[in-house]
Every structure is written in structure tokens, then in C-alpha cells.
């Protein structure tokens, strides 16, 4: 399965007014006054920001990759998008995950526009999930839609749930990796990929 489950139809999405009221409640819970001048517009701003932070739920990741090209002139090597910046939010604390992704595939009979790979990253990043889940979803979606000979995804990110709270490890990063097809079964391609992203 390549996508996270959507909100069940039986569960009604809260209105904008309900979302803003929830932000007011959180401000009050933090022991501040939601009616003071500096905070009175904050609920609207937070809800607007959340629309951007979590816009990935509004897009179908497989559809992004649906337009492919078969005229590849016998190209038979790795296609790599390197050092793609992204911002996400962890599902455990809803605080930022900020990092870079390296996404590669080895085409079989078709390729996709490189901007589509970048958009795929953003679709999954702009959802609540773990970094491990995001890494796997990106790799599996590319594998399912493009049917390449292999897919490799490495993500290196800072988790603010580690750096700004809890254990306060400000210099740490988390690296996750998903290798499929020849990147997993053929050490030559695995080595080449990791050499390319150094």
C-alpha cells in the first residue's frame, strides 16, 4: 500500500471556525489570553498555516507520476534527484522535521519529469507521519507507478521533537533508507547510488 488512509467519510472534517476555536483553547491552556492584541488574530493565522503545512492530504501521489515518457533513447542508468529540501511534521508531537531527500530510480521502459519526483516528496512531507513511513511511501509509490528496475530513497532530517524538547539533542539528525529492486539485490547499483549522494 502506497498511501496513508484518508479520513473516513463517517468522520466530518471540522469547520474553520471550529479549528480556530481549538487554537484559542490551546492558547488559553498555555496560560495566555487569546483576546490580547498580539494573539487575537493568531487562531486565523495558525489555521491558514496548517492548510499549507498539511496540504499533502489534498493530492493523489500516484496521479502526480501518471504522465510518463517512453522515449528514453536507450538510457539505462540511474536518475537521481539529490539534496531535495523538505519540511514536514511528525505525527507524535506535530513539530517540524526539516531535512533533505535523495531519490533515485533506474528506469526500465519509462521515465517521469523530474519535477514530479520533487512534488511527490512534498505531497508526503506535507502530511503527519514518521520519517520512516515517508521514506517507504515515496519509494513504494515510484516503484508501483513507474515499474522501474529499482528505487532508492535516503532522507536525512532534523526532528525538532529531539532538538527543541525532550532530550534536547540539537546536533542530531535521523537518516532513513529504502532500497527496492536492483538497489537492494545488486551491490553495484547500491554502491553507485551511495557514491553519487556523498
Protein backbone atom coordinates (compact mmCIF):
# COMPACT_ATOMS: atom_id res chain seq x y z
CA UNK A 1 0.00 0.00 0.00
CA UNK A 2 1.47 3.35 -1.01
CA UNK A 3 -0.76 5.96 0.56
CA UNK A 4 -1.94 6.73 4.04
CA UNK A 5 -5.60 6.11 4.72
CA UNK A 6 -7.81 9.16 4.16
CA UNK A 7 -10.11 10.42 6.88
CA UNK A 8 -13.12 8.07 6.93
CA UNK A 9 -16.25 9.55 5.37
CA UNK A 10 -18.10 8.94 8.61
CA UNK A 11 -15.82 11.47 10.36
CA UNK A 12 -16.81 15.02 9.48
CA UNK A 13 -13.96 17.46 8.94
CA UNK A 14 -14.19 20.30 11.49
CA UNK A 15 -15.11 23.71 10.15
CA UNK A 16 -12.60 26.58 10.00
CA UNK A 17 -14.42 28.19 12.93
CA UNK A 18 -14.07 25.00 15.00
CA UNK A 19 -10.36 24.80 14.15
CA UNK A 20 -9.84 28.43 15.17
CA UNK A 21 -11.70 27.80 18.42
CA UNK A 22 -9.38 24.87 19.13
CA UNK A 23 -6.36 27.17 18.71
CA UNK A 24 -7.92 29.65 21.13
CA UNK A 25 -8.33 26.81 23.61
CA UNK A 26 -4.67 25.87 23.26
CA UNK A 27 -3.60 29.48 23.82
CA UNK A 28 -5.70 29.58 26.99
CA UNK A 29 -4.30 26.21 28.06
CA UNK A 30 -0.77 27.63 27.63
CA UNK A 31 -1.86 30.24 30.20
CA UNK A 32 -2.14 33.23 27.89
CA UNK A 33 -5.06 35.41 26.86
CA UNK A 34 -6.34 34.70 23.32
CA UNK A 35 -8.06 38.10 23.35
CA UNK A 36 -4.95 40.19 23.89
CA UNK A 37 -3.79 42.29 20.93
CA UNK A 38 -0.83 40.12 19.89
CA UNK A 39 -2.86 36.90 19.90
CA UNK A 40 -6.32 37.92 18.71
CA UNK A 41 -5.56 37.04 15.05
CA UNK A 42 -3.38 34.03 15.91
CA UNK A 43 -6.11 31.37 15.51
CA UNK A 44 -6.77 32.50 11.93
CA UNK A 45 -3.04 32.55 11.16
CA UNK A 46 -2.48 29.10 12.65
CA UNK A 47 -5.33 27.54 10.68
CA UNK A 48 -4.06 29.16 7.48
CA UNK A 49 -0.56 27.85 8.21
CA UNK A 50 -1.94 24.36 8.84
CA UNK A 51 -3.62 24.42 5.44
CA UNK A 52 -0.15 24.83 3.93
CA UNK A 53 1.69 22.50 6.32
CA UNK A 54 -0.73 19.64 5.66
CA UNK A 55 -1.71 20.28 2.04
CA UNK A 56 -0.37 16.86 1.03
CA UNK A 57 -3.66 15.28 2.01
CA UNK A 58 -5.31 17.11 -0.90
CA UNK A 59 -3.26 15.37 -3.60
CA UNK A 60 -3.05 11.86 -5.00
CA UNK A 61 0.66 10.90 -5.09
CA UNK A 62 0.23 8.23 -7.76
CA UNK A 63 -1.58 10.67 -10.04
CA UNK A 64 1.42 13.04 -9.87
CA UNK A 65 3.55 10.35 -11.53
CA UNK A 66 0.92 9.28 -14.07
CA UNK A 67 2.33 11.25 -17.02
CA UNK A 68 5.37 9.31 -18.18
CA UNK A 69 7.64 9.27 -21.22
CA UNK A 70 8.80 6.19 -23.08
CA UNK A 71 11.25 7.90 -25.45
CA UNK A 72 14.34 7.41 -23.31
CA UNK A 73 16.82 6.74 -26.17
CA UNK A 74 18.03 3.57 -24.50
CA UNK A 75 19.03 5.43 -21.33
CA UNK A 76 19.90 2.67 -18.86
CA UNK A 77 21.43 4.33 -15.83
CA UNK A 78 20.37 5.94 -12.56
CA UNK A 79 18.15 9.02 -12.44
CA UNK A 80 18.92 10.84 -9.17
CA UNK A 81 17.39 13.91 -7.57
CA UNK A 82 19.87 14.97 -4.92
CA UNK A 83 19.58 17.22 -1.85
CA UNK A 84 15.88 17.99 -2.16
CA UNK A 85 14.86 20.25 0.75
CA UNK A 86 11.63 19.48 2.57
CA UNK A 87 9.71 20.42 5.70
CA UNK A 88 7.33 18.03 7.41
CA UNK A 89 5.71 17.50 10.82
CA UNK A 90 5.99 14.42 12.99
CA UNK A 91 2.79 12.67 13.92
CA UNK A 92 3.84 12.23 17.56
CA UNK A 93 4.37 15.86 18.58
CA UNK A 94 3.30 17.85 15.48
CA UNK A 95 6.60 19.71 15.42
CA UNK A 96 8.78 20.26 12.34
CA UNK A 97 11.00 17.74 10.63
CA UNK A 98 13.43 19.61 8.36
CA UNK A 99 15.80 17.84 6.02
CA UNK A 100 16.97 16.70 2.63
CA UNK A 101 15.97 13.76 0.47
CA UNK A 102 17.88 11.87 -2.20
CA UNK A 103 15.57 9.98 -4.55
CA UNK A 104 16.76 7.73 -7.38
CA UNK A 105 15.33 5.18 -9.75
CA UNK A 106 16.68 3.02 -12.54
CA UNK A 107 14.23 3.28 -15.46
CA UNK A 108 13.01 0.23 -17.28
CA UNK A 109 10.75 1.42 -20.10
CA UNK A 110 9.60 4.84 -18.94
CA UNK A 111 10.70 7.96 -17.13
CA UNK A 112 8.86 10.82 -15.46
CA UNK A 113 9.54 14.56 -15.40
CA UNK A 114 11.99 15.28 -12.60
CA UNK A 115 9.77 17.97 -11.08
CA UNK A 116 7.16 15.26 -10.47
CA UNK A 117 9.57 13.44 -8.15
CA UNK A 118 10.07 16.68 -6.20
CA UNK A 119 6.30 17.16 -6.00
CA UNK A 120 5.88 13.59 -4.79
CA UNK A 121 8.27 14.33 -1.93
CA UNK A 122 6.26 17.43 -1.00
CA UNK A 123 2.95 15.56 -1.05
CA UNK A 124 4.18 13.05 1.50
CA UNK A 125 6.15 15.62 3.51
CA UNK A 126 3.07 17.81 3.94
CA UNK A 127 1.30 15.18 6.00
CA UNK A 128 1.62 13.88 9.53
CA UNK A 129 3.80 10.78 9.63
CA UNK A 130 7.10 9.36 10.79
CA UNK A 131 10.22 9.78 8.69
CA UNK A 132 10.36 6.02 8.28
CA UNK A 133 6.85 5.95 6.83
CA UNK A 134 7.55 8.85 4.48
CA UNK A 135 10.70 7.17 3.15
CA UNK A 136 8.85 3.94 2.45
CA UNK A 137 5.83 5.64 0.87
CA UNK A 138 7.98 7.62 -1.57
CA UNK A 139 9.92 4.53 -2.66
CA UNK A 140 6.86 2.30 -2.99
CA UNK A 141 4.86 4.88 -4.95
CA UNK A 142 7.65 5.33 -7.51
CA UNK A 143 8.06 1.56 -7.72
CA UNK A 144 4.34 0.91 -8.21
CA UNK A 145 3.70 3.63 -10.80
CA UNK A 146 6.88 3.64 -12.88
CA UNK A 147 7.75 -0.07 -12.54
CA UNK A 148 11.49 0.72 -12.72
CA UNK A 149 14.33 -1.73 -12.25
CA UNK A 150 14.95 -0.23 -8.84
CA UNK A 151 14.27 2.66 -6.46
CA UNK A 152 16.46 4.18 -3.74
CA UNK A 153 15.43 6.83 -1.21
CA UNK A 154 17.59 8.29 1.57
CA UNK A 155 16.28 11.00 3.87
CA UNK A 156 18.41 12.90 6.40
CA UNK A 157 16.46 15.21 8.71
CA UNK A 158 16.44 17.08 11.99
CA UNK A 159 13.50 16.38 14.25
CA UNK A 160 12.55 19.30 16.45
CA UNK A 161 10.90 16.91 18.88
CA UNK A 162 14.53 15.89 19.60
CA UNK A 163 16.17 19.31 19.37
CA UNK A 164 13.67 21.72 20.96
CA UNK A 165 12.12 19.49 23.65
CA UNK A 166 12.64 16.19 25.43
CA UNK A 167 16.29 15.14 25.14
CA UNK A 168 17.43 18.45 23.52
CA UNK A 169 19.92 16.87 21.10
CA UNK A 170 20.42 19.93 18.93
CA UNK A 171 23.06 18.48 16.59
CA UNK A 172 21.42 15.14 15.83
CA UNK A 173 19.84 14.06 12.57
CA UNK A 174 17.93 10.95 11.56
CA UNK A 175 18.75 9.01 8.39
CA UNK A 176 16.29 6.59 6.81
CA UNK A 177 16.73 4.50 3.69
CA UNK A 178 14.54 2.41 1.40
CA UNK A 179 16.11 0.30 -1.35
CA UNK A 180 13.99 -1.63 -3.84
CA UNK A 181 14.79 -3.77 -6.89
CA UNK A 182 18.38 -3.71 -8.14
CA UNK A 183 19.43 -1.23 -5.46
CA UNK A 184 18.67 -3.95 -2.93
CA UNK A 185 19.74 -7.04 -4.89
CA UNK A 186 22.77 -5.79 -6.82
CA UNK A 187 25.60 -4.35 -4.73
CA UNK A 188 27.00 -2.50 -7.77
CA UNK A 189 23.93 -0.27 -8.02
CA UNK A 190 23.71 0.15 -4.25
CA UNK A 191 27.36 1.27 -4.13
CA UNK A 192 26.93 3.59 -7.12
CA UNK A 193 23.90 5.25 -5.55
CA UNK A 194 25.63 5.91 -2.24
CA UNK A 195 28.71 7.22 -4.03
CA UNK A 196 26.52 9.62 -6.02
CA UNK A 197 24.86 11.08 -2.93
CA UNK A 198 28.07 11.61 -0.97
